[in-house]
Each structure stands twice: as C-alpha cells, then as structure tokens.
C-alpha cells in the first residue's frame, strides 16, 4: 500500500479513533491490499463530537446510546430518565471514548 495514501487516511480520520491505537492501526493498514483499503473508505464512522452534543441535549432520552448501537442502555435511559440523570452525566464524560472504540472495532472487523 502507498504510504502517502495511508498517512492521508490516518490524518483525516484520527479524530474518530482512539489516540493510543492509531500506531497499531497504521501498522495493520500498511499490510492491506488496495481493494480492502478501498472497502475501508466505505465504513461510516461515528463522530465523537456530535455524539457528545447529542448526549448533552438528548442524553436523558437515551438517544446517544441508540446512536452507538447500545439499545439496552438506551431503553433503560429512556424509561428511567437517564436513571434520574446519573447515567446522563456519566455519558457526558464517556460517550466520546465509546464512539472512538466503536469506530476502531468496526475497522478491525473489516481488516
């Protein structure tokens, strides 16, 4: 794979991925062929900043959890009002990391 192409992909998508795993991901992507790399660009990555904003404004309804695919916790937050606001506040601090981990796991399943 072309190193310049790989570096460009990493630079444009680094905000969607955990910072501590970018070096590992770069090593794995360097061994991909062009067909898999093209398939990699079709993956829809969740934006952690958008999820944080959704969590702040609509977190009590569990919409942030539904967006990352955590349906069970989304239903719990919806029915209990974010467990009286406790889970909502916890999600304000953890939703970005969860989104980045979700994006990383999507990429690793493709590789």
C-alpha atoms as a PDB file:
ATOM      1  CA  UNK A   1       0.000   0.000   0.000  1.00  0.00           C
ATOM      2  CA  UNK A   2       1.083   3.534  -0.747  1.00  0.00           C
ATOM      3  CA  UNK A   3       2.433   5.198   2.420  1.00  0.00           C
ATOM      4  CA  UNK A   4       1.218   8.635   1.392  1.00  0.00           C
ATOM      5  CA  UNK A   5      -2.321   7.339   0.878  1.00  0.00           C
ATOM      6  CA  UNK A   6      -2.213   5.659   4.277  1.00  0.00           C
ATOM      7  CA  UNK A   7      -0.952   8.794   6.020  1.00  0.00           C
ATOM      8  CA  UNK A   8      -3.680  10.880   4.384  1.00  0.00           C
ATOM      9  CA  UNK A   9      -6.384   8.456   5.571  1.00  0.00           C
ATOM     10  CA  UNK A  10      -4.976   8.477   9.115  1.00  0.00           C
ATOM     11  CA  UNK A  11      -4.823  12.279   9.181  1.00  0.00           C
ATOM     12  CA  UNK A  12      -8.404  12.708   8.004  1.00  0.00           C
ATOM     13  CA  UNK A  13      -9.844  10.080  10.358  1.00  0.00           C
ATOM     14  CA  UNK A  14      -7.744  10.424  13.502  1.00  0.00           C
ATOM     15  CA  UNK A  15     -10.449  12.307  15.397  1.00  0.00           C
ATOM     16  CA  UNK A  16     -12.740   9.276  15.029  1.00  0.00           C
ATOM     17  CA  UNK A  17     -10.215   6.822  16.526  1.00  0.00           C
ATOM     18  CA  UNK A  18      -8.609   6.286  19.948  1.00  0.00           C
ATOM     19  CA  UNK A  19      -5.256   8.087  20.035  1.00  0.00           C
ATOM     20  CA  UNK A  20      -3.459   5.221  21.756  1.00  0.00           C
ATOM     21  CA  UNK A  21      -4.397   2.756  18.999  1.00  0.00           C
ATOM     22  CA  UNK A  22      -3.509   4.803  15.925  1.00  0.00           C
ATOM     23  CA  UNK A  23       0.044   3.441  15.721  1.00  0.00           C
ATOM     24  CA  UNK A  24      -1.241  -0.144  15.904  1.00  0.00           C
ATOM     25  CA  UNK A  25      -3.900   0.606  13.304  1.00  0.00           C
ATOM     26  CA  UNK A  26      -1.344   2.207  10.998  1.00  0.00           C
ATOM     27  CA  UNK A  27       0.774  -0.960  11.096  1.00  0.00           C
ATOM     28  CA  UNK A  28      -2.251  -3.133  10.311  1.00  0.00           C
ATOM     29  CA  UNK A  29      -3.399  -0.877   7.465  1.00  0.00           C
ATOM     30  CA  UNK A  30       0.063  -0.867   5.893  1.00  0.00           C
ATOM     31  CA  UNK A  31      -0.302  -4.581   5.199  1.00  0.00           C
ATOM     32  CA  UNK A  32      -3.681  -4.223   3.429  1.00  0.00           C
ATOM     33  CA  UNK A  33      -4.111  -4.527  -0.298  1.00  0.00           C
ATOM     34  CA  UNK A  34      -5.746  -1.730  -2.298  1.00  0.00           C
ATOM     35  CA  UNK A  35      -9.099  -3.500  -2.576  1.00  0.00           C
ATOM     36  CA  UNK A  36      -9.509  -3.764   1.216  1.00  0.00           C
ATOM     37  CA  UNK A  37      -8.317  -0.194   1.638  1.00  0.00           C
ATOM     38  CA  UNK A  38     -10.988   0.975  -0.806  1.00  0.00           C
ATOM     39  CA  UNK A  39     -13.557  -1.001   1.172  1.00  0.00           C
ATOM     40  CA  UNK A  40     -12.277   0.711   4.312  1.00  0.00           C
ATOM     41  CA  UNK A  41     -13.360   4.093   2.979  1.00  0.00           C
ATOM     42  CA  UNK A  42     -16.988   2.908   2.812  1.00  0.00           C
ATOM     43  CA  UNK A  43     -17.233   2.428   6.584  1.00  0.00           C
ATOM     44  CA  UNK A  44     -19.359   5.081   8.271  1.00  0.00           C
ATOM     45  CA  UNK A  45     -17.540   6.313  11.364  1.00  0.00           C
ATOM     46  CA  UNK A  46     -19.387   7.969  14.251  1.00  0.00           C
ATOM     47  CA  UNK A  47     -18.267  11.494  15.093  1.00  0.00           C
ATOM     48  CA  UNK A  48     -17.458  11.702  18.840  1.00  0.00           C
ATOM     49  CA  UNK A  49     -18.181  15.443  18.971  1.00  0.00           C
ATOM     50  CA  UNK A  50     -21.655  15.006  17.502  1.00  0.00           C
ATOM     51  CA  UNK A  51     -22.350  12.208  19.973  1.00  0.00           C
ATOM     52  CA  UNK A  52     -21.245  14.439  22.849  1.00  0.00           C
ATOM     53  CA  UNK A  53     -23.646  17.166  21.743  1.00  0.00           C
ATOM     54  CA  UNK A  54     -26.469  14.657  21.383  1.00  0.00           C
ATOM     55  CA  UNK A  55     -25.614  13.300  24.822  1.00  0.00           C
ATOM     56  CA  UNK A  56     -25.720  16.759  26.383  1.00  0.00           C
ATOM     57  CA  UNK A  57     -29.035  17.783  24.839  1.00  0.00           C
ATOM     58  CA  UNK A  58     -30.883  14.470  24.406  1.00  0.00           C
ATOM     59  CA  UNK A  59     -28.968  12.119  26.694  1.00  0.00           C
ATOM     60  CA  UNK A  60     -31.814  11.803  29.173  1.00  0.00           C
ATOM     61  CA  UNK A  61     -33.843  10.138  26.442  1.00  0.00           C
ATOM     62  CA  UNK A  62     -31.087   7.636  25.643  1.00  0.00           C
ATOM     63  CA  UNK A  63     -30.666   8.791  22.055  1.00  0.00           C
ATOM     64  CA  UNK A  64     -26.876   8.857  22.409  1.00  0.00           C
ATOM     65  CA  UNK A  65     -26.866   5.182  23.364  1.00  0.00           C
ATOM     66  CA  UNK A  66     -29.165   4.293  20.478  1.00  0.00           C
ATOM     67  CA  UNK A  67     -26.764   6.050  18.090  1.00  0.00           C
ATOM     68  CA  UNK A  68     -23.803   3.900  19.150  1.00  0.00           C
ATOM     69  CA  UNK A  69     -25.870   0.736  18.995  1.00  0.00           C
ATOM     70  CA  UNK A  70     -26.276   0.182  22.730  1.00  0.00           C
ATOM     71  CA  UNK A  71     -30.018  -0.442  22.576  1.00  0.00           C
ATOM     72  CA  UNK A  72     -30.425  -1.929  26.036  1.00  0.00           C
ATOM     73  CA  UNK A  73     -28.918   1.053  27.823  1.00  0.00           C
ATOM     74  CA  UNK A  74     -30.817   3.378  25.501  1.00  0.00           C
ATOM     75  CA  UNK A  75     -34.119   1.833  26.547  1.00  0.00           C
ATOM     76  CA  UNK A  76     -33.102   1.961  30.222  1.00  0.00           C
ATOM     77  CA  UNK A  77     -32.229   5.655  29.955  1.00  0.00           C
ATOM     78  CA  UNK A  78     -35.438   6.350  28.069  1.00  0.00           C
ATOM     79  CA  UNK A  79     -37.663   4.663  30.634  1.00  0.00           C
ATOM     80  CA  UNK A  80     -35.895   5.996  33.731  1.00  0.00           C
ATOM     81  CA  UNK A  81     -34.932   9.481  32.555  1.00  0.00           C
ATOM     82  CA  UNK A  82     -31.271   8.560  32.445  1.00  0.00           C
ATOM     83  CA  UNK A  83     -31.603   6.810  35.822  1.00  0.00           C
ATOM     84  CA  UNK A  84     -32.628  10.127  37.344  1.00  0.00           C
ATOM     85  CA  UNK A  85     -29.848  11.899  35.488  1.00  0.00           C
ATOM     86  CA  UNK A  86     -26.942   9.839  36.819  1.00  0.00           C
ATOM     87  CA  UNK A  87     -26.299   7.853  33.624  1.00  0.00           C
ATOM     88  CA  UNK A  88     -26.754  11.005  31.585  1.00  0.00           C
ATOM     89  CA  UNK A  89     -23.965  12.758  33.467  1.00  0.00           C
ATOM     90  CA  UNK A  90     -21.716   9.691  33.256  1.00  0.00           C
ATOM     91  CA  UNK A  91     -22.276   9.564  29.494  1.00  0.00           C
ATOM     92  CA  UNK A  92     -21.197  13.184  29.101  1.00  0.00           C
ATOM     93  CA  UNK A  93     -17.723  12.073  30.130  1.00  0.00           C
ATOM     94  CA  UNK A  94     -17.578   8.655  28.452  1.00  0.00           C
ATOM     95  CA  UNK A  95     -19.553   8.852  25.196  1.00  0.00           C
ATOM     96  CA  UNK A  96     -16.643  10.153  23.104  1.00  0.00           C
ATOM     97  CA  UNK A  97     -14.387   7.301  24.166  1.00  0.00           C
ATOM     98  CA  UNK A  98     -17.156   4.787  23.458  1.00  0.00           C
ATOM     99  CA  UNK A  99     -17.665   6.243  19.983  1.00  0.00           C
ATOM    100  CA  UNK A 100     -13.942   6.038  19.201  1.00  0.00           C
ATOM    101  CA  UNK A 101     -13.775   2.438  20.440  1.00  0.00           C
ATOM    102  CA  UNK A 102     -16.815   1.569  18.316  1.00  0.00           C
ATOM    103  CA  UNK A 103     -15.140   3.054  15.230  1.00  0.00           C
ATOM    104  CA  UNK A 104     -11.932   1.163  15.977  1.00  0.00           C
ATOM    105  CA  UNK A 105     -13.783  -2.139  16.357  1.00  0.00           C
ATOM    106  CA  UNK A 106     -15.608  -1.554  13.044  1.00  0.00           C
ATOM    107  CA  UNK A 107     -12.280  -1.064  11.285  1.00  0.00           C
ATOM    108  CA  UNK A 108     -10.706  -4.091  12.949  1.00  0.00           C
ATOM    109  CA  UNK A 109     -13.583  -6.352  11.903  1.00  0.00           C
ATOM    110  CA  UNK A 110     -13.050  -5.267   8.309  1.00  0.00           C
ATOM    111  CA  UNK A 111      -9.328  -5.954   8.459  1.00  0.00           C
END
